[in-house]
Amino acid sequence: MKTVFDKYYQTENLFGEPYPELIAFFAGYPERGKLMDLGCGQGRDAIPLARLGYEVTGVDHSKVGIEQMEQAAELEGL
Protein backbone atom coordinates (compact mmCIF):
# COMPACT_ATOMS: atom_id res chain seq x y z
CA MET A 1 0.00 0.00 0.00
CA LYS A 2 1.44 3.37 -1.00
CA THR A 3 1.46 6.18 1.53
CA VAL A 4 1.92 9.94 1.22
CA PHE A 5 5.42 9.62 2.65
CA ASP A 6 6.48 7.22 -0.11
CA LYS A 7 6.52 10.26 -2.40
CA TYR A 8 8.35 12.48 0.10
CA TYR A 9 11.01 9.87 0.84
CA GLN A 10 12.33 10.32 -2.69
CA THR A 11 14.23 13.16 -0.97
CA GLU A 12 17.29 11.74 0.75
CA ASN A 13 17.49 12.46 4.48
CA LEU A 14 14.06 14.14 4.38
CA PHE A 15 13.86 14.95 8.10
CA GLY A 16 17.50 15.86 8.62
CA GLU A 17 19.83 14.86 11.40
CA PRO A 18 19.00 12.58 14.33
CA TYR A 19 17.26 14.08 17.36
CA PRO A 20 20.34 15.08 19.44
CA GLU A 21 18.77 14.78 22.90
CA LEU A 22 17.48 11.30 22.13
CA ILE A 23 20.88 10.09 20.92
CA ALA A 24 22.65 11.72 23.88
CA PHE A 25 20.25 10.08 26.33
CA PHE A 26 20.78 6.61 24.91
CA ALA A 27 24.54 7.15 24.48
CA GLY A 28 24.76 7.78 28.24
CA TYR A 29 22.55 4.87 29.20
CA PRO A 30 24.75 2.18 30.75
CA GLU A 31 23.04 -0.90 29.27
CA ARG A 32 22.41 -1.61 25.59
CA GLY A 33 19.29 -3.55 24.74
CA LYS A 34 16.37 -3.63 22.32
CA LEU A 35 14.58 -0.50 21.12
CA MET A 36 11.59 0.05 18.88
CA ASP A 37 11.42 3.16 16.71
CA LEU A 38 7.78 3.75 15.77
CA GLY A 39 7.44 5.94 12.70
CA CYS A 40 11.14 5.43 11.91
CA GLY A 41 10.87 6.63 8.30
CA GLN A 42 14.31 6.59 6.70
CA GLY A 43 15.98 5.68 9.99
CA ARG A 44 17.10 9.11 11.11
CA ASP A 45 17.19 7.96 14.77
CA ALA A 46 17.19 4.17 14.33
CA ILE A 47 20.53 4.08 12.48
CA PRO A 48 22.48 6.17 15.03
CA LEU A 49 20.97 4.13 17.88
CA ALA A 50 22.09 0.92 16.16
CA ARG A 51 25.59 2.42 15.81
CA LEU A 52 25.60 2.80 19.60
CA GLY A 53 25.04 -0.94 19.93
CA TYR A 54 21.29 -1.12 20.41
CA GLU A 55 19.19 -3.73 18.62
CA VAL A 56 16.67 -1.46 16.91
CA THR A 57 13.40 -2.52 15.30
CA GLY A 58 12.05 0.20 13.01
CA VAL A 59 8.34 0.36 12.17
CA ASP A 60 6.83 2.67 9.60
CA HIS A 61 3.81 2.78 7.31
CA SER A 62 6.02 3.73 4.34
CA LYS A 63 7.64 0.81 2.55
CA VAL A 64 9.97 3.25 0.77
CA GLY A 65 11.22 4.68 4.07
CA ILE A 66 11.80 1.21 5.50
CA GLU A 67 13.69 0.11 2.38
CA GLN A 68 15.93 3.18 2.59
CA MET A 69 16.63 2.53 6.28
CA GLU A 70 17.43 -1.12 5.58
CA GLN A 71 19.83 -0.11 2.78
CA ALA A 72 21.65 2.34 5.05
CA ALA A 73 21.87 -0.24 7.84
CA GLU A 74 23.20 -2.88 5.46
CA LEU A 75 25.87 -0.52 4.09
CA GLU A 76 27.10 0.05 7.65
CA GLY A 77 26.84 -3.59 8.67
CA LEU A 78 24.13 -2.91 11.24
PDB file of N, CA and C in Angstrom:
ATOM      1  N   MET A   1       0.838  -1.171   0.000  1.00  0.00           N
ATOM      2  CA  MET A   1       0.000   0.000   0.000  1.00  0.00           C
ATOM      3  C   MET A   1       0.890   1.243   0.000  1.00  0.00           C
ATOM      4  N   LYS A   2       0.665   2.136  -0.936  1.00  0.00           N
ATOM      5  CA  LYS A   2       1.439   3.369  -1.002  1.00  0.00           C
ATOM      6  C   LYS A   2       0.922   4.368   0.033  1.00  0.00           C
ATOM      7  N   THR A   3       1.846   5.128   0.593  1.00  0.00           N
ATOM      8  CA  THR A   3       1.464   6.175   1.532  1.00  0.00           C
ATOM      9  C   THR A   3       1.954   7.516   1.004  1.00  0.00           C
ATOM     10  N   VAL A   4       1.493   8.590   1.612  1.00  0.00           N
ATOM     11  CA  VAL A   4       1.918   9.935   1.223  1.00  0.00           C
ATOM     12  C   VAL A   4       3.430  10.070   1.359  1.00  0.00           C
ATOM     13  N   PHE A   5       3.998   9.469   2.425  1.00  0.00           N
ATOM     14  CA  PHE A   5       5.424   9.620   2.653  1.00  0.00           C
ATOM     15  C   PHE A   5       6.265   8.886   1.620  1.00  0.00           C
ATOM     16  N   ASP A   6       5.714   7.883   0.944  1.00  0.00           N
ATOM     17  CA  ASP A   6       6.478   7.218  -0.111  1.00  0.00           C
ATOM     18  C   ASP A   6       6.987   8.246  -1.121  1.00  0.00           C
ATOM     19  N   LYS A   7       6.142   9.212  -1.450  1.00  0.00           N
ATOM     20  CA  LYS A   7       6.523  10.260  -2.404  1.00  0.00           C
ATOM     21  C   LYS A   7       7.583  11.181  -1.796  1.00  0.00           C
ATOM     22  N   TYR A   8       7.404  11.568  -0.544  1.00  0.00           N
ATOM     23  CA  TYR A   8       8.346  12.484   0.095  1.00  0.00           C
ATOM     24  C   TYR A   8       9.713  11.848   0.315  1.00  0.00           C
ATOM     25  N   TYR A   9       9.738  10.545   0.561  1.00  0.00           N
ATOM     26  CA  TYR A   9      11.006   9.873   0.838  1.00  0.00           C
ATOM     27  C   TYR A   9      11.883   9.738  -0.397  1.00  0.00           C
ATOM     28  N   GLN A  10      11.438  10.249  -1.537  1.00  0.00           N
ATOM     29  CA  GLN A  10      12.327  10.319  -2.690  1.00  0.00           C
ATOM     30  C   GLN A  10      13.443  11.333  -2.405  1.00  0.00           C
ATOM     31  N   THR A  11      13.210  12.209  -1.424  1.00  0.00           N
ATOM     32  CA  THR A  11      14.227  13.160  -0.968  1.00  0.00           C
ATOM     33  C   THR A  11      15.084  12.469   0.073  1.00  0.00           C
ATOM     34  N   GLU A  12      16.379  12.376  -0.201  1.00  0.00           N
ATOM     35  CA  GLU A  12      17.289  11.739   0.746  1.00  0.00           C
ATOM     36  C   GLU A  12      17.344  12.542   2.042  1.00  0.00           C
ATOM     37  N   ASN A  13      17.362  11.831   3.164  1.00  0.00           N
ATOM     38  CA  ASN A  13      17.486  12.462   4.480  1.00  0.00           C
ATOM     39  C   ASN A  13      16.411  13.537   4.688  1.00  0.00           C
ATOM     40  N   LEU A  14      15.178  13.190   4.380  1.00  0.00           N
ATOM     41  CA  LEU A  14      14.061  14.136   4.382  1.00  0.00           C
ATOM     42  C   LEU A  14      13.940  14.928   5.682  1.00  0.00           C
ATOM     43  N   PHE A  15      14.080  14.270   6.826  1.00  0.00           N
ATOM     44  CA  PHE A  15      13.858  14.952   8.096  1.00  0.00           C
ATOM     45  C   PHE A  15      15.136  15.441   8.756  1.00  0.00           C
ATOM     46  N   GLY A  16      16.263  15.306   8.086  1.00  0.00           N
ATOM     47  CA  GLY A  16      17.500  15.858   8.615  1.00  0.00           C
ATOM     48  C   GLY A  16      18.224  14.939   9.586  1.00  0.00           C
ATOM     49  N   GLU A  17      18.963  15.563  10.463  1.00  0.00           N
ATOM     50  CA  GLU A  17      19.831  14.858  11.401  1.00  0.00           C
ATOM     51  C   GLU A  17      19.037  14.200  12.525  1.00  0.00           C
ATOM     52  N   PRO A  18      19.664  13.232  13.198  1.00  0.00           N
ATOM     53  CA  PRO A  18      18.998  12.582  14.334  1.00  0.00           C
ATOM     54  C   PRO A  18      18.661  13.591  15.432  1.00  0.00           C
ATOM     55  N   TYR A  19      17.680  13.251  16.237  1.00  0.00           N
ATOM     56  CA  TYR A  19      17.258  14.079  17.357  1.00  0.00           C
ATOM     57  C   TYR A  19      18.372  14.033  18.416  1.00  0.00           C
ATOM     58  N   PRO A  20      19.127  15.117  18.613  1.00  0.00           N
ATOM     59  CA  PRO A  20      20.337  15.077  19.443  1.00  0.00           C
ATOM     60  C   PRO A  20      20.109  14.667  20.895  1.00  0.00           C
ATOM     61  N   GLU A  21      19.034  15.136  21.501  1.00  0.00           N
ATOM     62  CA  GLU A  21      18.774  14.783  22.897  1.00  0.00           C
ATOM     63  C   GLU A  21      18.478  13.298  23.067  1.00  0.00           C
ATOM     64  N   LEU A  22      17.794  12.722  22.093  1.00  0.00           N
ATOM     65  CA  LEU A  22      17.484  11.297  22.131  1.00  0.00           C
ATOM     66  C   LEU A  22      18.764  10.471  22.049  1.00  0.00           C
ATOM     67  N   ILE A  23      19.627  10.818  21.103  1.00  0.00           N
ATOM     68  CA  ILE A  23      20.883  10.089  20.920  1.00  0.00           C
ATOM     69  C   ILE A  23      21.770  10.267  22.152  1.00  0.00           C
ATOM     70  N   ALA A  24      21.837  11.472  22.687  1.00  0.00           N
ATOM     71  CA  ALA A  24      22.650  11.723  23.884  1.00  0.00           C
ATOM     72  C   ALA A  24      22.138  10.915  25.074  1.00  0.00           C
ATOM     73  N   PHE A  25      20.825  10.844  25.227  1.00  0.00           N
ATOM     74  CA  PHE A  25      20.251  10.075  26.331  1.00  0.00           C
ATOM     75  C   PHE A  25      20.669   8.614  26.233  1.00  0.00           C
ATOM     76  N   PHE A  26      20.473   8.026  25.055  1.00  0.00           N
ATOM     77  CA  PHE A  26      20.783   6.607  24.911  1.00  0.00           C
ATOM     78  C   PHE A  26      22.287   6.343  24.878  1.00  0.00           C
ATOM     79  N   ALA A  27      23.075   7.307  24.457  1.00  0.00           N
ATOM     80  CA  ALA A  27      24.537   7.147  24.481  1.00  0.00           C
ATOM     81  C   ALA A  27      25.022   7.058  25.927  1.00  0.00           C
ATOM     82  N   GLY A  28      24.363   7.771  26.827  1.00  0.00           N
ATOM     83  CA  GLY A  28      24.759   7.777  28.235  1.00  0.00           C
ATOM     84  C   GLY A  28      24.124   6.675  29.062  1.00  0.00           C
ATOM     85  N   TYR A  29      23.217   5.939  28.475  1.00  0.00           N
ATOM     86  CA  TYR A  29      22.546   4.872  29.203  1.00  0.00           C
ATOM     87  C   TYR A  29      23.513   3.701  29.331  1.00  0.00           C
ATOM     88  N   PRO A  30      23.703   3.174  30.531  1.00  0.00           N
ATOM     89  CA  PRO A  30      24.753   2.179  30.747  1.00  0.00           C
ATOM     90  C   PRO A  30      24.532   0.817  30.078  1.00  0.00           C
ATOM     91  N   GLU A  31      23.310   0.412  29.856  1.00  0.00           N
ATOM     92  CA  GLU A  31      23.038  -0.902  29.267  1.00  0.00           C
ATOM     93  C   GLU A  31      22.476  -0.748  27.861  1.00  0.00           C
ATOM     94  N   ARG A  32      22.956  -1.591  26.954  1.00  0.00           N
ATOM     95  CA  ARG A  32      22.412  -1.612  25.595  1.00  0.00           C
ATOM     96  C   ARG A  32      21.416  -2.753  25.517  1.00  0.00           C
ATOM     97  N   GLY A  33      20.323  -2.523  24.845  1.00  0.00           N
ATOM     98  CA  GLY A  33      19.289  -3.552  24.738  1.00  0.00           C
ATOM     99  C   GLY A  33      18.522  -3.383  23.447  1.00  0.00           C
ATOM    100  N   LYS A  34      17.245  -3.697  23.495  1.00  0.00           N
ATOM    101  CA  LYS A  34      16.374  -3.627  22.323  1.00  0.00           C
ATOM    102  C   LYS A  34      15.544  -2.352  22.386  1.00  0.00           C
ATOM    103  N   LEU A  35      15.407  -1.707  21.243  1.00  0.00           N
ATOM    104  CA  LEU A  35      14.580  -0.502  21.121  1.00  0.00           C
ATOM    105  C   LEU A  35      13.646  -0.658  19.937  1.00  0.00           C
ATOM    106  N   MET A  36      12.502   0.008  20.004  1.00  0.00           N
ATOM    107  CA  MET A  36      11.586   0.055  18.877  1.00  0.00           C
ATOM    108  C   MET A  36      11.394   1.523  18.503  1.00  0.00           C
ATOM    109  N   ASP A  37      11.609   1.814  17.237  1.00  0.00           N
ATOM    110  CA  ASP A  37      11.423   3.160  16.712  1.00  0.00           C
ATOM    111  C   ASP A  37      10.148   3.165  15.880  1.00  0.00           C
ATOM    112  N   LEU A  38       9.074   3.678  16.466  1.00  0.00           N
ATOM    113  CA  LEU A  38       7.783   3.750  15.766  1.00  0.00           C
ATOM    114  C   LEU A  38       7.758   4.988  14.885  1.00  0.00           C
ATOM    115  N   GLY A  39       7.416   4.814  13.642  1.00  0.00           N
ATOM    116  CA  GLY A  39       7.442   5.938  12.701  1.00  0.00           C
ATOM    117  C   GLY A  39       8.877   6.274  12.322  1.00  0.00           C
ATOM    118  N   CYS A  40       9.692   5.250  12.113  1.00  0.00           N
ATOM    119  CA  CYS A  40      11.137   5.431  11.907  1.00  0.00           C
ATOM    120  C   CYS A  40      11.491   6.079  10.581  1.00  0.00           C
ATOM    121  N   GLY A  41      10.585   6.027   9.604  1.00  0.00           N
ATOM    122  CA  GLY A  41      10.871   6.630   8.302  1.00  0.00           C
ATOM    123  C   GLY A  41      12.139   6.079   7.689  1.00  0.00           C
ATOM    124  N   GLN A  42      13.063   6.962   7.336  1.00  0.00           N
ATOM    125  CA  GLN A  42      14.315   6.592   6.698  1.00  0.00           C
ATOM    126  C   GLN A  42      15.385   6.161   7.701  1.00  0.00           C
ATOM    127  N   GLY A  43      15.034   6.142   8.978  1.00  0.00           N
ATOM    128  CA  GLY A  43      15.983   5.676   9.988  1.00  0.00           C
ATOM    129  C   GLY A  43      16.817   6.761  10.623  1.00  0.00           C
ATOM    130  N   ARG A  44      16.335   7.983  10.599  1.00  0.00           N
ATOM    131  CA  ARG A  44      17.100   9.114  11.110  1.00  0.00           C
ATOM    132  C   ARG A  44      17.570   8.898  12.543  1.00  0.00           C
ATOM    133  N   ASP A  45      16.768   8.269  13.400  1.00  0.00           N
ATOM    134  CA  ASP A  45      17.191   7.957  14.769  1.00  0.00           C
ATOM    135  C   ASP A  45      17.580   6.488  14.922  1.00  0.00           C
ATOM    136  N   ALA A  46      16.932   5.607  14.193  1.00  0.00           N
ATOM    137  CA  ALA A  46      17.192   4.168  14.333  1.00  0.00           C
ATOM    138  C   ALA A  46      18.631   3.810  13.969  1.00  0.00           C
ATOM    139  N   ILE A  47      19.162   4.390  12.914  1.00  0.00           N
ATOM    140  CA  ILE A  47      20.532   4.078  12.480  1.00  0.00           C
ATOM    141  C   ILE A  47      21.561   4.529  13.520  1.00  0.00           C
ATOM    142  N   PRO A  48      21.515   5.767  14.006  1.00  0.00           N
ATOM    143  CA  PRO A  48      22.484   6.168  15.027  1.00  0.00           C
ATOM    144  C   PRO A  48      22.363   5.355  16.324  1.00  0.00           C
ATOM    145  N   LEU A  49      21.150   4.957  16.678  1.00  0.00           N
ATOM    146  CA  LEU A  49      20.971   4.128  17.878  1.00  0.00           C
ATOM    147  C   LEU A  49      21.585   2.748  17.667  1.00  0.00           C
ATOM    148  N   ALA A  50      21.458   2.202  16.469  1.00  0.00           N
ATOM    149  CA  ALA A  50      22.094   0.918  16.165  1.00  0.00           C
ATOM    150  C   ALA A  50      23.614   1.054  16.198  1.00  0.00           C
ATOM    151  N   ARG A  51      24.135   2.185  15.741  1.00  0.00           N
ATOM    152  CA  ARG A  51      25.588   2.425  15.809  1.00  0.00           C
ATOM    153  C   ARG A  51      26.086   2.390  17.243  1.00  0.00           C
ATOM    154  N   LEU A  52      25.227   2.804  18.176  1.00  0.00           N
ATOM    155  CA  LEU A  52      25.596   2.803  19.600  1.00  0.00           C
ATOM    156  C   LEU A  52      25.579   1.401  20.203  1.00  0.00           C
ATOM    157  N   GLY A  53      25.061   0.434  19.448  1.00  0.00           N
ATOM    158  CA  GLY A  53      25.040  -0.940  19.934  1.00  0.00           C
ATOM    159  C   GLY A  53      23.677  -1.458  20.351  1.00  0.00           C
ATOM    160  N   TYR A  54      22.639  -0.666  20.108  1.00  0.00           N
ATOM    161  CA  TYR A  54      21.289  -1.122  20.414  1.00  0.00           C
ATOM    162  C   TYR A  54      20.765  -1.992  19.279  1.00  0.00           C
ATOM    163  N   GLU A  55      19.902  -2.941  19.619  1.00  0.00           N
ATOM    164  CA  GLU A  55      19.190  -3.727  18.618  1.00  0.00           C
ATOM    165  C   GLU A  55      17.883  -2.987  18.359  1.00  0.00           C
ATOM    166  N   VAL A  56      17.789  -2.353  17.204  1.00  0.00           N
ATOM    167  CA  VAL A  56      16.665  -1.461  16.911  1.00  0.00           C
ATOM    168  C   VAL A  56      15.725  -2.113  15.903  1.00  0.00           C
ATOM    169  N   THR A  57      14.441  -2.104  16.229  1.00  0.00           N
ATOM    170  CA  THR A  57      13.400  -2.515  15.299  1.00  0.00           C
ATOM    171  C   THR A  57      12.678  -1.247  14.854  1.00  0.00           C
ATOM    172  N   GLY A  58      12.709  -0.977  13.555  1.00  0.00           N
ATOM    173  CA  GLY A  58      12.045   0.200  13.012  1.00  0.00           C
ATOM    174  C   GLY A  58      10.710  -0.182  12.396  1.00  0.00           C
ATOM    175  N   VAL A  59       9.685   0.596  12.691  1.00  0.00           N
ATOM    176  CA  VAL A  59       8.339   0.357  12.172  1.00  0.00           C
ATOM    177  C   VAL A  59       7.852   1.644  11.506  1.00  0.00           C
ATOM    178  N   ASP A  60       7.361   1.508  10.286  1.00  0.00           N
ATOM    179  CA  ASP A  60       6.826   2.674   9.595  1.00  0.00           C
ATOM    180  C   ASP A  60       5.785   2.213   8.592  1.00  0.00           C
ATOM    181  N   HIS A  61       4.871   3.082   8.264  1.00  0.00           N
ATOM    182  CA  HIS A  61       3.813   2.781   7.307  1.00  0.00           C
ATOM    183  C   HIS A  61       4.339   2.851   5.871  1.00  0.00           C
ATOM    184  N   SER A  62       5.466   3.548   5.677  1.00  0.00           N
ATOM    185  CA  SER A  62       6.017   3.725   4.341  1.00  0.00           C
ATOM    186  C   SER A  62       7.034   2.636   4.011  1.00  0.00           C
ATOM    187  N   LYS A  63       6.722   1.856   3.003  1.00  0.00           N
ATOM    188  CA  LYS A  63       7.636   0.812   2.547  1.00  0.00           C
ATOM    189  C   LYS A  63       8.920   1.437   1.997  1.00  0.00           C
ATOM    190  N   VAL A  64       8.802   2.566   1.335  1.00  0.00           N
ATOM    191  CA  VAL A  64       9.967   3.251   0.766  1.00  0.00           C
ATOM    192  C   VAL A  64      10.921   3.682   1.880  1.00  0.00           C
ATOM    193  N   GLY A  65      10.382   4.268   2.946  1.00  0.00           N
ATOM    194  CA  GLY A  65      11.218   4.682   4.074  1.00  0.00           C
ATOM    195  C   GLY A  65      11.928   3.505   4.705  1.00  0.00           C
ATOM    196  N   ILE A  66      11.214   2.415   4.911  1.00  0.00           N
ATOM    197  CA  ILE A  66      11.796   1.205   5.504  1.00  0.00           C
ATOM    198  C   ILE A  66      12.913   0.660   4.612  1.00  0.00           C
ATOM    199  N   GLU A  67      12.671   0.617   3.308  1.00  0.00           N
ATOM    200  CA  GLU A  67      13.686   0.110   2.384  1.00  0.00           C
ATOM    201  C   GLU A  67      14.941   0.972   2.430  1.00  0.00           C
ATOM    202  N   GLN A  68      14.773   2.288   2.516  1.00  0.00           N
ATOM    203  CA  GLN A  68      15.930   3.179   2.594  1.00  0.00           C
ATOM    204  C   GLN A  68      16.696   2.962   3.896  1.00  0.00           C
ATOM    205  N   MET A  69      15.982   2.786   5.000  1.00  0.00           N
ATOM    206  CA  MET A  69      16.633   2.534   6.278  1.00  0.00           C
ATOM    207  C   MET A  69      17.394   1.209   6.231  1.00  0.00           C
ATOM    208  N   GLU A  70      16.776   0.184   5.672  1.00  0.00           N
ATOM    209  CA  GLU A  70      17.432  -1.123   5.584  1.00  0.00           C
ATOM    210  C   GLU A  70      18.691  -1.042   4.725  1.00  0.00           C
ATOM    211  N   GLN A  71      18.645  -0.288   3.632  1.00  0.00           N
ATOM    212  CA  GLN A  71      19.834  -0.113   2.779  1.00  0.00           C
ATOM    213  C   GLN A  71      20.955   0.547   3.563  1.00  0.00           C
ATOM    214  N   ALA A  72      20.626   1.619   4.278  1.00  0.00           N
ATOM    215  CA  ALA A  72      21.645   2.339   5.053  1.00  0.00           C
ATOM    216  C   ALA A  72      22.243   1.440   6.121  1.00  0.00           C
ATOM    217  N   ALA A  73      21.401   0.671   6.795  1.00  0.00           N
ATOM    218  CA  ALA A  73      21.873  -0.241   7.844  1.00  0.00           C
ATOM    219  C   ALA A  73      22.778  -1.313   7.250  1.00  0.00           C
ATOM    220  N   GLU A  74      22.400  -1.836   6.101  1.00  0.00           N
ATOM    221  CA  GLU A  74      23.199  -2.879   5.462  1.00  0.00           C
ATOM    222  C   GLU A  74      24.570  -2.340   5.040  1.00  0.00           C
ATOM    223  N   LEU A  75      24.600  -1.126   4.499  1.00  0.00           N
ATOM    224  CA  LEU A  75      25.869  -0.523   4.093  1.00  0.00           C
ATOM    225  C   LEU A  75      26.829  -0.367   5.271  1.00  0.00           C
ATOM    226  N   GLU A  76      26.267  -0.145   6.454  1.00  0.00           N
ATOM    227  CA  GLU A  76      27.095   0.046   7.649  1.00  0.00           C
ATOM    228  C   GLU A  76      27.293  -1.239   8.442  1.00  0.00           C
ATOM    229  N   GLY A  77      26.697  -2.319   7.964  1.00  0.00           N
ATOM    230  CA  GLY A  77      26.839  -3.593   8.673  1.00  0.00           C
ATOM    231  C   GLY A  77      26.078  -3.635   9.978  1.00  0.00           C
ATOM    232  N   LEU A  78      24.950  -2.939  10.015  1.00  0.00           N
ATOM    233  CA  LEU A  78      24.135  -2.907  11.241  1.00  0.00           C
ATOM    234  C   LEU A  78      22.996  -3.904  11.156  1.00  0.00           C
TER     235      LEU A  78
END
